[in-house]
Structures are given as structure tokens and as C-alpha cells.
Amino acid sequence: MENDRKNLLRRLQICDFTLVECNLYLDTHPDDQDALAYFQKYRKMRDETKAEYTRKYGPIRAEDVISDTTWTWIDSPWPWEYTEEA
């Protein structure tokens, strides 16, 4: 379970980094259709990964709370507090 959590967080980091870099490129090459498709591919991957992480381990950000009955944002541990021992 710990490896799955780490893998999902790592995948989110990769997607977020890729999206920022692609965003910078698209700022100077707005008509590059390949770059736009690449950006959309990683945005979809990030959204799917974030949804999976949230479903399995809880919200990463306050707006990720998916429960209608309780405010799960305050549940511990926070995503960045997981350790090898947890």
C-alpha cells in the first residue's frame, strides 16, 4: 500500500512538472498542435492520477474533498507526512 501511495504521488509530480514545462513552451509556440496534444495528454493523466489518489488515500488539497457527509481534509496523516514506518 505504501508503494502504491508513493507511486501515485510520484506520478503526480511528474505530470505537474511536465505540465509546467509544456505550458512554458506553449507560451512561445501557441500554434504547436503536437505540444498542445502533449499538454492535454499529461493533464488527463494528472487528473486521473489525482482522482485515484484521492479515492484511495484522501484529499491532496482542500478542494479535493469528495465526501458529502464529513470534512476529510482534516484527517491525518497529511499527504506529505507519510513515512516509511507509516
PDB file of N, CA and C in Angstrom:
ATOM      1  N   MET A   1       0.824  -1.189   0.000  1.00  0.00           N
ATOM      2  CA  MET A   1       0.000   0.000   0.000  1.00  0.00           C
ATOM      3  C   MET A   1       0.870   1.256   0.000  1.00  0.00           C
ATOM      4  N   GLU A   2       1.909   1.271   0.787  1.00  0.00           N
ATOM      5  CA  GLU A   2       2.810   2.423   0.845  1.00  0.00           C
ATOM      6  C   GLU A   2       3.448   2.686  -0.509  1.00  0.00           C
ATOM      7  N   ASN A   3       3.842   1.619  -1.208  1.00  0.00           N
ATOM      8  CA  ASN A   3       4.442   1.803  -2.534  1.00  0.00           C
ATOM      9  C   ASN A   3       3.439   2.379  -3.517  1.00  0.00           C
ATOM     10  N   ASP A   4       2.196   1.954  -3.436  1.00  0.00           N
ATOM     11  CA  ASP A   4       1.164   2.493  -4.322  1.00  0.00           C
ATOM     12  C   ASP A   4       0.987   3.983  -4.072  1.00  0.00           C
ATOM     13  N   ARG A   5       0.927   4.384  -2.815  1.00  0.00           N
ATOM     14  CA  ARG A   5       0.773   5.794  -2.458  1.00  0.00           C
ATOM     15  C   ARG A   5       1.951   6.602  -2.996  1.00  0.00           C
ATOM     16  N   LYS A   6       3.149   6.101  -2.778  1.00  0.00           N
ATOM     17  CA  LYS A   6       4.345   6.788  -3.271  1.00  0.00           C
ATOM     18  C   LYS A   6       4.346   6.880  -4.790  1.00  0.00           C
ATOM     19  N   ASN A   7       3.966   5.799  -5.452  1.00  0.00           N
ATOM     20  CA  ASN A   7       3.942   5.802  -6.914  1.00  0.00           C
ATOM     21  C   ASN A   7       2.937   6.814  -7.456  1.00  0.00           C
ATOM     22  N   LEU A   8       1.786   6.901  -6.817  1.00  0.00           N
ATOM     23  CA  LEU A   8       0.790   7.872  -7.262  1.00  0.00           C
ATOM     24  C   LEU A   8       1.277   9.303  -7.045  1.00  0.00           C
ATOM     25  N   LEU A   9       1.880   9.564  -5.895  1.00  0.00           N
ATOM     26  CA  LEU A   9       2.418  10.905  -5.644  1.00  0.00           C
ATOM     27  C   LEU A   9       3.543  11.238  -6.619  1.00  0.00           C
ATOM     28  N   ARG A  10       4.395  10.281  -6.917  1.00  0.00           N
ATOM     29  CA  ARG A  10       5.484  10.496  -7.875  1.00  0.00           C
ATOM     30  C   ARG A  10       4.914  10.774  -9.268  1.00  0.00           C
ATOM     31  N   ARG A  11       3.888  10.021  -9.654  1.00  0.00           N
ATOM     32  CA  ARG A  11       3.263  10.248 -10.955  1.00  0.00           C
ATOM     33  C   ARG A  11       2.651  11.649 -11.024  1.00  0.00           C
ATOM     34  N   LEU A  12       2.041  12.103  -9.921  1.00  0.00           N
ATOM     35  CA  LEU A  12       1.511  13.464  -9.874  1.00  0.00           C
ATOM     36  C   LEU A  12       2.623  14.496 -10.038  1.00  0.00           C
ATOM     37  N   GLN A  13       3.744  14.276  -9.377  1.00  0.00           N
ATOM     38  CA  GLN A  13       4.878  15.197  -9.508  1.00  0.00           C
ATOM     39  C   GLN A  13       5.374  15.249 -10.946  1.00  0.00           C
ATOM     40  N   ILE A  14       5.486  14.106 -11.573  1.00  0.00           N
ATOM     41  CA  ILE A  14       5.942  14.039 -12.961  1.00  0.00           C
ATOM     42  C   ILE A  14       4.971  14.787 -13.872  1.00  0.00           C
ATOM     43  N   CYS A  15       3.693  14.530 -13.692  1.00  0.00           N
ATOM     44  CA  CYS A  15       2.690  15.200 -14.524  1.00  0.00           C
ATOM     45  C   CYS A  15       2.709  16.709 -14.305  1.00  0.00           C
ATOM     46  N   ASP A  16       2.771  17.139 -13.057  1.00  0.00           N
ATOM     47  CA  ASP A  16       2.784  18.572 -12.768  1.00  0.00           C
ATOM     48  C   ASP A  16       4.014  19.246 -13.360  1.00  0.00           C
ATOM     49  N   PHE A  17       5.182  18.617 -13.228  1.00  0.00           N
ATOM     50  CA  PHE A  17       6.405  19.170 -13.811  1.00  0.00           C
ATOM     51  C   PHE A  17       6.267  19.272 -15.328  1.00  0.00           C
ATOM     52  N   THR A  18       5.778  18.210 -15.943  1.00  0.00           N
ATOM     53  CA  THR A  18       5.619  18.180 -17.399  1.00  0.00           C
ATOM     54  C   THR A  18       4.651  19.254 -17.858  1.00  0.00           C
ATOM     55  N   LEU A  19       3.564  19.446 -17.127  1.00  0.00           N
ATOM     56  CA  LEU A  19       2.582  20.457 -17.496  1.00  0.00           C
ATOM     57  C   LEU A  19       3.157  21.869 -17.403  1.00  0.00           C
ATOM     58  N   VAL A  20       3.951  22.135 -16.380  1.00  0.00           N
ATOM     59  CA  VAL A  20       4.575  23.461 -16.257  1.00  0.00           C
ATOM     60  C   VAL A  20       5.538  23.706 -17.414  1.00  0.00           C
ATOM     61  N   GLU A  21       6.369  22.729 -17.707  1.00  0.00           N
ATOM     62  CA  GLU A  21       7.327  22.876 -18.803  1.00  0.00           C
ATOM     63  C   GLU A  21       6.625  23.038 -20.143  1.00  0.00           C
ATOM     64  N   CYS A  22       5.595  22.255 -20.360  1.00  0.00           N
ATOM     65  CA  CYS A  22       4.840  22.340 -21.605  1.00  0.00           C
ATOM     66  C   CYS A  22       4.123  23.683 -21.694  1.00  0.00           C
ATOM     67  N   ASN A  23       3.607  24.154 -20.584  1.00  0.00           N
ATOM     68  CA  ASN A  23       2.959  25.466 -20.523  1.00  0.00           C
ATOM     69  C   ASN A  23       3.936  26.557 -20.970  1.00  0.00           C
ATOM     70  N   LEU A  24       5.154  26.504 -20.468  1.00  0.00           N
ATOM     71  CA  LEU A  24       6.158  27.492 -20.848  1.00  0.00           C
ATOM     72  C   LEU A  24       6.445  27.445 -22.348  1.00  0.00           C
ATOM     73  N   TYR A  25       6.550  26.255 -22.892  1.00  0.00           N
ATOM     74  CA  TYR A  25       6.783  26.111 -24.325  1.00  0.00           C
ATOM     75  C   TYR A  25       5.607  26.661 -25.130  1.00  0.00           C
ATOM     76  N   LEU A  26       4.398  26.317 -24.697  1.00  0.00           N
ATOM     77  CA  LEU A  26       3.208  26.771 -25.420  1.00  0.00           C
ATOM     78  C   LEU A  26       3.029  28.288 -25.352  1.00  0.00           C
ATOM     79  N   ASP A  27       3.556  28.912 -24.307  1.00  0.00           N
ATOM     80  CA  ASP A  27       3.503  30.371 -24.227  1.00  0.00           C
ATOM     81  C   ASP A  27       4.225  31.023 -25.404  1.00  0.00           C
ATOM     82  N   THR A  28       5.253  30.364 -25.905  1.00  0.00           N
ATOM     83  CA  THR A  28       6.016  30.924 -27.020  1.00  0.00           C
ATOM     84  C   THR A  28       5.725  30.243 -28.352  1.00  0.00           C
ATOM     85  N   HIS A  29       5.007  29.122 -28.307  1.00  0.00           N
ATOM     86  CA  HIS A  29       4.644  28.370 -29.518  1.00  0.00           C
ATOM     87  C   HIS A  29       3.174  27.962 -29.453  1.00  0.00           C
ATOM     88  N   PRO A  30       2.264  28.945 -29.408  1.00  0.00           N
ATOM     89  CA  PRO A  30       0.847  28.640 -29.157  1.00  0.00           C
ATOM     90  C   PRO A  30       0.155  27.835 -30.256  1.00  0.00           C
ATOM     91  N   ASP A  31       0.730  27.770 -31.432  1.00  0.00           N
ATOM     92  CA  ASP A  31       0.096  27.042 -32.530  1.00  0.00           C
ATOM     93  C   ASP A  31       0.654  25.637 -32.734  1.00  0.00           C
ATOM     94  N   ASP A  32       1.538  25.207 -31.859  1.00  0.00           N
ATOM     95  CA  ASP A  32       2.149  23.874 -31.984  1.00  0.00           C
ATOM     96  C   ASP A  32       1.139  22.819 -31.530  1.00  0.00           C
ATOM     97  N   GLN A  33       0.509  22.168 -32.495  1.00  0.00           N
ATOM     98  CA  GLN A  33      -0.540  21.193 -32.202  1.00  0.00           C
ATOM     99  C   GLN A  33      -0.011  19.967 -31.467  1.00  0.00           C
ATOM    100  N   ASP A  34       1.211  19.557 -31.776  1.00  0.00           N
ATOM    101  CA  ASP A  34       1.803  18.414 -31.070  1.00  0.00           C
ATOM    102  C   ASP A  34       2.015  18.742 -29.598  1.00  0.00           C
ATOM    103  N   ALA A  35       2.495  19.942 -29.320  1.00  0.00           N
ATOM    104  CA  ALA A  35       2.711  20.357 -27.931  1.00  0.00           C
ATOM    105  C   ALA A  35       1.387  20.475 -27.191  1.00  0.00           C
ATOM    106  N   LEU A  36       0.383  20.972 -27.862  1.00  0.00           N
ATOM    107  CA  LEU A  36      -0.931  21.086 -27.237  1.00  0.00           C
ATOM    108  C   LEU A  36      -1.510  19.707 -26.917  1.00  0.00           C
ATOM    109  N   ALA A  37      -1.346  18.769 -27.834  1.00  0.00           N
ATOM    110  CA  ALA A  37      -1.808  17.395 -27.592  1.00  0.00           C
ATOM    111  C   ALA A  37      -1.037  16.768 -26.434  1.00  0.00           C
ATOM    112  N   TYR A  38       0.260  17.038 -26.373  1.00  0.00           N
ATOM    113  CA  TYR A  38       1.110  16.534 -25.287  1.00  0.00           C
ATOM    114  C   TYR A  38       0.636  17.095 -23.944  1.00  0.00           C
ATOM    115  N   PHE A  39       0.350  18.400 -23.920  1.00  0.00           N
ATOM    116  CA  PHE A  39      -0.156  19.045 -22.714  1.00  0.00           C
ATOM    117  C   PHE A  39      -1.471  18.397 -22.280  1.00  0.00           C
ATOM    118  N   GLN A  40      -2.382  18.195 -23.224  1.00  0.00           N
ATOM    119  CA  GLN A  40      -3.682  17.600 -22.898  1.00  0.00           C
ATOM    120  C   GLN A  40      -3.533  16.165 -22.397  1.00  0.00           C
ATOM    121  N   LYS A  41      -2.591  15.420 -22.974  1.00  0.00           N
ATOM    122  CA  LYS A  41      -2.337  14.046 -22.532  1.00  0.00           C
ATOM    123  C   LYS A  41      -1.906  14.029 -21.061  1.00  0.00           C
ATOM    124  N   TYR A  42      -0.977  14.907 -20.706  1.00  0.00           N
ATOM    125  CA  TYR A  42      -0.490  14.929 -19.320  1.00  0.00           C
ATOM    126  C   TYR A  42      -1.508  15.534 -18.364  1.00  0.00           C
ATOM    127  N   ARG A  43      -2.335  16.464 -18.836  1.00  0.00           N
ATOM    128  CA  ARG A  43      -3.384  17.000 -17.974  1.00  0.00           C
ATOM    129  C   ARG A  43      -4.395  15.901 -17.639  1.00  0.00           C
ATOM    130  N   LYS A  44      -4.747  15.104 -18.646  1.00  0.00           N
ATOM    131  CA  LYS A  44      -5.680  13.989 -18.405  1.00  0.00           C
ATOM    132  C   LYS A  44      -5.053  12.974 -17.450  1.00  0.00           C
ATOM    133  N   MET A  45      -3.776  12.648 -17.672  1.00  0.00           N
ATOM    134  CA  MET A  45      -3.084  11.701 -16.801  1.00  0.00           C
ATOM    135  C   MET A  45      -3.022  12.227 -15.367  1.00  0.00           C
ATOM    136  N   ARG A  46      -2.736  13.526 -15.209  1.00  0.00           N
ATOM    137  CA  ARG A  46      -2.684  14.124 -13.877  1.00  0.00           C
ATOM    138  C   ARG A  46      -4.050  14.073 -13.210  1.00  0.00           C
ATOM    139  N   ASP A  47      -5.088  14.421 -13.944  1.00  0.00           N
ATOM    140  CA  ASP A  47      -6.443  14.413 -13.371  1.00  0.00           C
ATOM    141  C   ASP A  47      -6.859  13.006 -12.941  1.00  0.00           C
ATOM    142  N   GLU A  48      -6.553  12.004 -13.755  1.00  0.00           N
ATOM    143  CA  GLU A  48      -6.882  10.617 -13.418  1.00  0.00           C
ATOM    144  C   GLU A  48      -6.083  10.135 -12.211  1.00  0.00           C
ATOM    145  N   THR A  49      -4.805  10.481 -12.163  1.00  0.00           N
ATOM    146  CA  THR A  49      -3.951  10.078 -11.047  1.00  0.00           C
ATOM    147  C   THR A  49      -4.404  10.740  -9.755  1.00  0.00           C
ATOM    148  N   LYS A  50      -4.716  12.024  -9.835  1.00  0.00           N
ATOM    149  CA  LYS A  50      -5.183  12.750  -8.649  1.00  0.00           C
ATOM    150  C   LYS A  50      -6.496  12.164  -8.142  1.00  0.00           C
ATOM    151  N   ALA A  51      -7.401  11.828  -9.055  1.00  0.00           N
ATOM    152  CA  ALA A  51      -8.677  11.223  -8.655  1.00  0.00           C
ATOM    153  C   ALA A  51      -8.451   9.871  -7.994  1.00  0.00           C
ATOM    154  N   GLU A  52      -7.541   9.081  -8.538  1.00  0.00           N
ATOM    155  CA  GLU A  52      -7.245   7.774  -7.939  1.00  0.00           C
ATOM    156  C   GLU A  52      -6.638   7.933  -6.554  1.00  0.00           C
ATOM    157  N   TYR A  53      -5.674   8.846  -6.429  1.00  0.00           N
ATOM    158  CA  TYR A  53      -5.046   9.076  -5.121  1.00  0.00           C
ATOM    159  C   TYR A  53      -6.108   9.523  -4.112  1.00  0.00           C
ATOM    160  N   THR A  54      -6.937  10.470  -4.489  1.00  0.00           N
ATOM    161  CA  THR A  54      -7.965  10.995  -3.593  1.00  0.00           C
ATOM    162  C   THR A  54      -8.941   9.905  -3.168  1.00  0.00           C
ATOM    163  N   ARG A  55      -9.318   9.072  -4.102  1.00  0.00           N
ATOM    164  CA  ARG A  55     -10.246   7.977  -3.807  1.00  0.00           C
ATOM    165  C   ARG A  55      -9.627   6.989  -2.810  1.00  0.00           C
ATOM    166  N   LYS A  56      -8.333   6.703  -2.970  1.00  0.00           N
ATOM    167  CA  LYS A  56      -7.675   5.698  -2.118  1.00  0.00           C
ATOM    168  C   LYS A  56      -7.153   6.259  -0.806  1.00  0.00           C
ATOM    169  N   TYR A  57      -6.596   7.476  -0.828  1.00  0.00           N
ATOM    170  CA  TYR A  57      -5.841   7.970   0.332  1.00  0.00           C
ATOM    171  C   TYR A  57      -6.339   9.290   0.891  1.00  0.00           C
ATOM    172  N   GLY A  58      -7.334   9.882   0.279  1.00  0.00           N
ATOM    173  CA  GLY A  58      -7.853  11.149   0.775  1.00  0.00           C
ATOM    174  C   GLY A  58      -7.353  12.325  -0.047  1.00  0.00           C
ATOM    175  N   PRO A  59      -7.837  13.515   0.298  1.00  0.00           N
ATOM    176  CA  PRO A  59      -7.549  14.699  -0.497  1.00  0.00           C
ATOM    177  C   PRO A  59      -6.097  15.160  -0.391  1.00  0.00           C
ATOM    178  N   ILE A  60      -5.606  15.718  -1.492  1.00  0.00           N
ATOM    179  CA  ILE A  60      -4.277  16.330  -1.522  1.00  0.00           C
ATOM    180  C   ILE A  60      -4.408  17.816  -1.216  1.00  0.00           C
ATOM    181  N   ARG A  61      -5.481  18.413  -1.694  1.00  0.00           N
ATOM    182  CA  ARG A  61      -5.782  19.819  -1.437  1.00  0.00           C
ATOM    183  C   ARG A  61      -7.220  19.893  -0.945  1.00  0.00           C
ATOM    184  N   ALA A  62      -7.563  20.980  -0.285  1.00  0.00           N
ATOM    185  CA  ALA A  62      -8.904  21.111   0.296  1.00  0.00           C
ATOM    186  C   ALA A  62     -10.000  20.929  -0.747  1.00  0.00           C
ATOM    187  N   GLU A  63      -9.785  21.415  -1.959  1.00  0.00           N
ATOM    188  CA  GLU A  63     -10.838  21.280  -2.969  1.00  0.00           C
ATOM    189  C   GLU A  63     -10.996  19.853  -3.487  1.00  0.00           C
ATOM    190  N   ASP A  64     -10.130  18.940  -3.047  1.00  0.00           N
ATOM    191  CA  ASP A  64     -10.218  17.538  -3.445  1.00  0.00           C
ATOM    192  C   ASP A  64     -11.132  16.715  -2.543  1.00  0.00           C
ATOM    193  N   VAL A  65     -11.692  17.310  -1.506  1.00  0.00           N
ATOM    194  CA  VAL A  65     -12.591  16.586  -0.607  1.00  0.00           C
ATOM    195  C   VAL A  65     -13.778  16.091  -1.417  1.00  0.00           C
ATOM    196  N   ILE A  66     -14.024  14.774  -1.350  1.00  0.00           N
ATOM    197  CA  ILE A  66     -15.097  14.197  -2.152  1.00  0.00           C
ATOM    198  C   ILE A  66     -16.278  13.704  -1.310  1.00  0.00           C
ATOM    199  N   SER A  67     -16.200  13.812  -0.017  1.00  0.00           N
ATOM    200  CA  SER A  67     -17.270  13.335   0.860  1.00  0.00           C
ATOM    201  C   SER A  67     -18.334  14.416   1.048  1.00  0.00           C
ATOM    202  N   ASP A  68     -19.583  13.998   0.986  1.00  0.00           N
ATOM    203  CA  ASP A  68     -20.690  14.916   1.252  1.00  0.00           C
ATOM    204  C   ASP A  68     -21.096  14.906   2.720  1.00  0.00           C
ATOM    205  N   THR A  69     -20.547  13.955   3.492  1.00  0.00           N
ATOM    206  CA  THR A  69     -21.008  13.792   4.866  1.00  0.00           C
ATOM    207  C   THR A  69     -19.995  14.207   5.926  1.00  0.00           C
ATOM    208  N   THR A  70     -18.712  14.327   5.554  1.00  0.00           N
ATOM    209  CA  THR A  70     -17.701  14.722   6.535  1.00  0.00           C
ATOM    210  C   THR A  70     -16.577  15.476   5.846  1.00  0.00           C
ATOM    211  N   TRP A  71     -15.934  16.347   6.588  1.00  0.00           N
ATOM    212  CA  TRP A  71     -14.842  17.159   6.057  1.00  0.00           C
ATOM    213  C   TRP A  71     -13.533  16.394   6.249  1.00  0.00           C
ATOM    214  N   THR A  72     -13.146  15.615   5.244  1.00  0.00           N
ATOM    215  CA  THR A  72     -11.991  14.722   5.333  1.00  0.00           C
ATOM    216  C   THR A  72     -10.657  15.439   5.194  1.00  0.00           C
ATOM    217  N   TRP A  73     -10.674  16.720   4.871  1.00  0.00           N
ATOM    218  CA  TRP A  73      -9.422  17.456   4.709  1.00  0.00           C
ATOM    219  C   TRP A  73      -8.603  17.452   5.998  1.00  0.00           C
ATOM    220  N   ILE A  74      -9.245  17.392   7.135  1.00  0.00           N
ATOM    221  CA  ILE A  74      -8.528  17.462   8.407  1.00  0.00           C
ATOM    222  C   ILE A  74      -8.036  16.108   8.901  1.00  0.00           C
ATOM    223  N   ASP A  75      -8.368  15.027   8.198  1.00  0.00           N
ATOM    224  CA  ASP A  75      -7.924  13.702   8.611  1.00  0.00           C
ATOM    225  C   ASP A  75      -6.413  13.578   8.455  1.00  0.00           C
ATOM    226  N   SER A  76      -5.796  12.901   9.394  1.00  0.00           N
ATOM    227  CA  SER A  76      -4.346  12.691   9.346  1.00  0.00           C
ATOM    228  C   SER A  76      -4.046  11.308   8.840  1.00  0.00           C
ATOM    229  N   PRO A  77      -2.884  11.020   8.380  1.00  0.00           N
ATOM    230  CA  PRO A  77      -1.786  11.966   8.145  1.00  0.00           C
ATOM    231  C   PRO A  77      -1.992  12.736   6.844  1.00  0.00           C
ATOM    232  N   TRP A  78      -1.351  13.890   6.757  1.00  0.00           N
ATOM    233  CA  TRP A  78      -1.383  14.693   5.542  1.00  0.00           C
ATOM    234  C   TRP A  78      -0.552  13.980   4.478  1.00  0.00           C
ATOM    235  N   PRO A  79      -0.807  14.242   3.206  1.00  0.00           N
ATOM    236  CA  PRO A  79      -0.059  13.540   2.143  1.00  0.00           C
ATOM    237  C   PRO A  79       1.453  13.637   2.294  1.00  0.00           C
ATOM    238  N   TRP A  80       1.971  14.739   2.775  1.00  0.00           N
ATOM    239  CA  TRP A  80       3.415  14.919   2.902  1.00  0.00           C
ATOM    240  C   TRP A  80       3.975  14.382   4.216  1.00  0.00           C
ATOM    241  N   GLU A  81       3.125  13.840   5.086  1.00  0.00           N
ATOM    242  CA  GLU A  81       3.570  13.305   6.366  1.00  0.00           C
ATOM    243  C   GLU A  81       3.806  11.803   6.359  1.00  0.00           C
ATOM    244  N   TYR A  82       3.534  11.135   5.249  1.00  0.00           N
ATOM    245  CA  TYR A  82       3.743   9.697   5.189  1.00  0.00           C
ATOM    246  C   TYR A  82       5.239   9.398   5.259  1.00  0.00           C
ATOM    247  N   THR A  83       5.580   8.364   6.022  1.00  0.00           N
ATOM    248  CA  THR A  83       6.975   7.958   6.133  1.00  0.00           C
ATOM    249  C   THR A  83       7.052   6.473   5.855  1.00  0.00           C
ATOM    250  N   GLU A  84       8.253   5.967   5.784  1.00  0.00           N
ATOM    251  CA  GLU A  84       8.470   4.533   5.561  1.00  0.00           C
ATOM    252  C   GLU A  84       7.831   3.710   6.670  1.00  0.00           C
ATOM    253  N   GLU A  85       7.795   4.230   7.893  1.00  0.00           N
ATOM    254  CA  GLU A  85       7.269   3.478   9.023  1.00  0.00           C
ATOM    255  C   GLU A  85       5.751   3.446   9.043  1.00  0.00           C
ATOM    256  N   ALA A  86       5.094   4.409   8.379  1.00  0.00           N
ATOM    257  CA  ALA A  86       3.631   4.513   8.448  1.00  0.00           C
ATOM    258  C   ALA A  86       2.958   3.366   7.739  1.00  0.00           C
TER     259      ALA A  86
END
